[in-house]
C-alpha atoms as a PDB file:
ATOM      1  CA  UNK A   1      -1.338  19.486  21.668  1.00  0.00           C
ATOM      2  CA  UNK A   2       2.414  20.018  21.743  1.00  0.00           C
ATOM      3  CA  UNK A   3       4.364  19.598  18.563  1.00  0.00           C
ATOM      4  CA  UNK A   4       6.891  16.798  18.233  1.00  0.00           C
ATOM      5  CA  UNK A   5      10.424  17.837  19.104  1.00  0.00           C
ATOM      6  CA  UNK A   6      12.643  18.571  16.121  1.00  0.00           C
ATOM      7  CA  UNK A   7      15.760  16.470  15.630  1.00  0.00           C
ATOM      8  CA  UNK A   8      17.557  19.524  14.210  1.00  0.00           C
ATOM      9  CA  UNK A   9      18.859  22.323  16.397  1.00  0.00           C
ATOM     10  CA  UNK A  10      16.826  25.551  16.349  1.00  0.00           C
ATOM     11  CA  UNK A  11      17.719  27.642  13.329  1.00  0.00           C
ATOM     12  CA  UNK A  12      19.319  24.706  11.467  1.00  0.00           C
ATOM     13  CA  UNK A  13      18.478  24.598   7.782  1.00  0.00           C
ATOM     14  CA  UNK A  14      15.910  22.053   6.701  1.00  0.00           C
ATOM     15  CA  UNK A  15      17.570  19.300   4.659  1.00  0.00           C
ATOM     16  CA  UNK A  16      16.745  19.647   0.986  1.00  0.00           C
ATOM     17  CA  UNK A  17      16.535  16.831  -1.604  1.00  0.00           C
ATOM     18  CA  UNK A  18      19.851  17.886  -3.151  1.00  0.00           C
ATOM     19  CA  UNK A  19      21.482  17.352   0.274  1.00  0.00           C
ATOM     20  CA  UNK A  20      20.382  13.727   0.145  1.00  0.00           C
ATOM     21  CA  UNK A  21      21.605  13.407  -3.428  1.00  0.00           C
ATOM     22  CA  UNK A  22      24.943  14.877  -2.364  1.00  0.00           C
ATOM     23  CA  UNK A  23      25.070  12.182   0.321  1.00  0.00           C
ATOM     24  CA  UNK A  24      24.318   9.516  -2.272  1.00  0.00           C
ATOM     25  CA  UNK A  25      27.169  10.839  -4.436  1.00  0.00           C
ATOM     26  CA  UNK A  26      29.596  10.783  -1.510  1.00  0.00           C
ATOM     27  CA  UNK A  27      28.630   7.277  -0.428  1.00  0.00           C
ATOM     28  CA  UNK A  28      28.882   6.102  -4.033  1.00  0.00           C
ATOM     29  CA  UNK A  29      32.368   7.629  -4.273  1.00  0.00           C
ATOM     30  CA  UNK A  30      33.471   5.907  -1.081  1.00  0.00           C
ATOM     31  CA  UNK A  31      32.189   2.608  -2.435  1.00  0.00           C
ATOM     32  CA  UNK A  32      34.195   3.201  -5.620  1.00  0.00           C
ATOM     33  CA  UNK A  33      37.321   3.728  -3.522  1.00  0.00           C
ATOM     34  CA  UNK A  34      36.735   0.415  -1.794  1.00  0.00           C
ATOM     35  CA  UNK A  35      36.383  -1.237  -5.198  1.00  0.00           C
ATOM     36  CA  UNK A  36      39.655   0.348  -6.317  1.00  0.00           C
ATOM     37  CA  UNK A  37      41.257  -1.108  -3.182  1.00  0.00           C
ATOM     38  CA  UNK A  38      39.958  -4.580  -4.039  1.00  0.00           C
ATOM     39  CA  UNK A  39      37.422  -4.582  -1.201  1.00  0.00           C
ATOM     40  CA  UNK A  40      34.062  -5.333  -2.855  1.00  0.00           C
ATOM     41  CA  UNK A  41      32.608  -6.650   0.397  1.00  0.00           C
ATOM     42  CA  UNK A  42      33.026  -3.202   1.918  1.00  0.00           C
ATOM     43  CA  UNK A  43      31.721  -1.502  -1.225  1.00  0.00           C
ATOM     44  CA  UNK A  44      28.526  -3.539  -1.533  1.00  0.00           C
ATOM     45  CA  UNK A  45      26.526  -2.073   1.378  1.00  0.00           C
ATOM     46  CA  UNK A  46      27.632   1.421   0.388  1.00  0.00           C
ATOM     47  CA  UNK A  47      26.485   0.992  -3.210  1.00  0.00           C
ATOM     48  CA  UNK A  48      23.143  -0.339  -1.925  1.00  0.00           C
ATOM     49  CA  UNK A  49      22.797   2.639   0.412  1.00  0.00           C
ATOM     50  CA  UNK A  50      23.684   5.136  -2.322  1.00  0.00           C
ATOM     51  CA  UNK A  51      21.095   3.590  -4.645  1.00  0.00           C
ATOM     52  CA  UNK A  52      18.425   3.601  -1.928  1.00  0.00           C
ATOM     53  CA  UNK A  53      19.101   7.275  -1.224  1.00  0.00           C
ATOM     54  CA  UNK A  54      19.107   8.223  -4.898  1.00  0.00           C
ATOM     55  CA  UNK A  55      15.836   6.352  -5.474  1.00  0.00           C
ATOM     56  CA  UNK A  56      14.293   8.362  -2.648  1.00  0.00           C
ATOM     57  CA  UNK A  57      15.314  11.671  -4.214  1.00  0.00           C
ATOM     58  CA  UNK A  58      15.317  11.210  -7.975  1.00  0.00           C
ATOM     59  CA  UNK A  59      12.426  10.491 -10.281  1.00  0.00           C
ATOM     60  CA  UNK A  60      12.182   6.810 -11.263  1.00  0.00           C
ATOM     61  CA  UNK A  61      12.791   8.022 -14.831  1.00  0.00           C
ATOM     62  CA  UNK A  62      15.948   9.984 -14.038  1.00  0.00           C
ATOM     63  CA  UNK A  63      18.827   8.503 -16.033  1.00  0.00           C
ATOM     64  CA  UNK A  64      21.202   9.326 -13.172  1.00  0.00           C
ATOM     65  CA  UNK A  65      19.673   6.354 -11.349  1.00  0.00           C
ATOM     66  CA  UNK A  66      21.223   4.106 -13.985  1.00  0.00           C
ATOM     67  CA  UNK A  67      24.680   5.037 -12.672  1.00  0.00           C
ATOM     68  CA  UNK A  68      23.818   3.877  -9.167  1.00  0.00           C
ATOM     69  CA  UNK A  69      22.126   0.729 -10.461  1.00  0.00           C
ATOM     70  CA  UNK A  70      25.043  -0.118 -12.740  1.00  0.00           C
ATOM     71  CA  UNK A  71      27.606   0.413  -9.978  1.00  0.00           C
ATOM     72  CA  UNK A  72      25.703  -1.960  -7.707  1.00  0.00           C
ATOM     73  CA  UNK A  73      25.460  -4.474 -10.543  1.00  0.00           C
ATOM     74  CA  UNK A  74      29.219  -4.276 -11.056  1.00  0.00           C
ATOM     75  CA  UNK A  75      30.123  -5.071  -7.465  1.00  0.00           C
ATOM     76  CA  UNK A  76      27.603  -7.907  -7.367  1.00  0.00           C
ATOM     77  CA  UNK A  77      29.151  -9.331 -10.514  1.00  0.00           C
ATOM     78  CA  UNK A  78      32.616  -9.090  -8.964  1.00  0.00           C
ATOM     79  CA  UNK A  79      31.262 -10.987  -5.962  1.00  0.00           C
ATOM     80  CA  UNK A  80      29.933 -13.758  -8.226  1.00  0.00           C
ATOM     81  CA  UNK A  81      26.289 -12.831  -7.625  1.00  0.00           C
ATOM     82  CA  UNK A  82      25.612 -13.022 -11.334  1.00  0.00           C
ATOM     83  CA  UNK A  83      21.825 -13.331 -11.311  1.00  0.00           C
ATOM     84  CA  UNK A  84      21.189 -10.142  -9.357  1.00  0.00           C
ATOM     85  CA  UNK A  85      24.013  -8.354 -11.179  1.00  0.00           C
ATOM     86  CA  UNK A  86      22.569  -9.146 -14.598  1.00  0.00           C
ATOM     87  CA  UNK A  87      19.047  -8.181 -13.512  1.00  0.00           C
ATOM     88  CA  UNK A  88      20.263  -4.806 -12.240  1.00  0.00           C
ATOM     89  CA  UNK A  89      22.412  -4.133 -15.305  1.00  0.00           C
ATOM     90  CA  UNK A  90      19.434  -4.863 -17.552  1.00  0.00           C
ATOM     91  CA  UNK A  91      17.349  -2.475 -15.425  1.00  0.00           C
ATOM     92  CA  UNK A  92      19.988   0.238 -15.861  1.00  0.00           C
ATOM     93  CA  UNK A  93      20.081  -0.397 -19.612  1.00  0.00           C
ATOM     94  CA  UNK A  94      16.294  -0.195 -19.914  1.00  0.00           C
ATOM     95  CA  UNK A  95      16.301   3.094 -18.007  1.00  0.00           C
ATOM     96  CA  UNK A  96      19.002   4.538 -20.275  1.00  0.00           C
ATOM     97  CA  UNK A  97      17.286   3.391 -23.453  1.00  0.00           C
ATOM     98  CA  UNK A  98      13.935   4.796 -22.317  1.00  0.00           C
ATOM     99  CA  UNK A  99      15.220   8.160 -21.102  1.00  0.00           C
ATOM    100  CA  UNK A 100      18.304   8.858 -23.213  1.00  0.00           C
ATOM    101  CA  UNK A 101      17.755   6.824 -26.357  1.00  0.00           C
ATOM    102  CA  UNK A 102      19.750   4.070 -28.006  1.00  0.00           C
ATOM    103  CA  UNK A 103      22.445   6.368 -29.404  1.00  0.00           C
ATOM    104  CA  UNK A 104      23.446   8.064 -26.149  1.00  0.00           C
ATOM    105  CA  UNK A 105      26.984   7.348 -24.821  1.00  0.00           C
ATOM    106  CA  UNK A 106      25.634   6.369 -21.397  1.00  0.00           C
ATOM    107  CA  UNK A 107      23.313   3.845 -23.019  1.00  0.00           C
ATOM    108  CA  UNK A 108      26.236   2.440 -24.994  1.00  0.00           C
ATOM    109  CA  UNK A 109      28.386   2.204 -21.866  1.00  0.00           C
ATOM    110  CA  UNK A 110      25.621   0.441 -19.944  1.00  0.00           C
ATOM    111  CA  UNK A 111      25.109  -2.000 -22.821  1.00  0.00           C
ATOM    112  CA  UNK A 112      28.867  -2.626 -22.912  1.00  0.00           C
ATOM    113  CA  UNK A 113      28.873  -3.342 -19.160  1.00  0.00           C
ATOM    114  CA  UNK A 114      26.085  -5.880 -19.637  1.00  0.00           C
ATOM    115  CA  UNK A 115      27.940  -7.473 -22.533  1.00  0.00           C
ATOM    116  CA  UNK A 116      31.108  -7.801 -20.458  1.00  0.00           C
ATOM    117  CA  UNK A 117      29.152  -9.402 -17.615  1.00  0.00           C
ATOM    118  CA  UNK A 118      27.554 -11.930 -19.935  1.00  0.00           C
ATOM    119  CA  UNK A 119      30.840 -12.692 -21.709  1.00  0.00           C
ATOM    120  CA  UNK A 120      32.640 -13.304 -18.414  1.00  0.00           C
ATOM    121  CA  UNK A 121      29.889 -15.671 -17.298  1.00  0.00           C
ATOM    122  CA  UNK A 122      30.340 -17.708 -20.435  1.00  0.00           C
END
């Protein structure tokens, strides 16, 4: 039987997991630029895409995932989607607490983000 045709040109390097993570970082950065420009509607699908990519590459226990989760939570909060935003921010906090511990700066920052969300909701 013939092998399936490759989508990459002959001799092209095989994509590695870090390539996908680099893509997630770039997409996340673009989403952040949209947020800085006051365009959360444009940022939202990019943050979702970056998180999906990162989840496909990183271990579910990698604290770096908390960054992607928290960024998505932030844009959702800005777009008044408070329920999903709070759920995601709590997920990010749980991940940080479990992997980094309660005293880590990233855990503290994630907890602060959750506190700000809850305070703004009233």
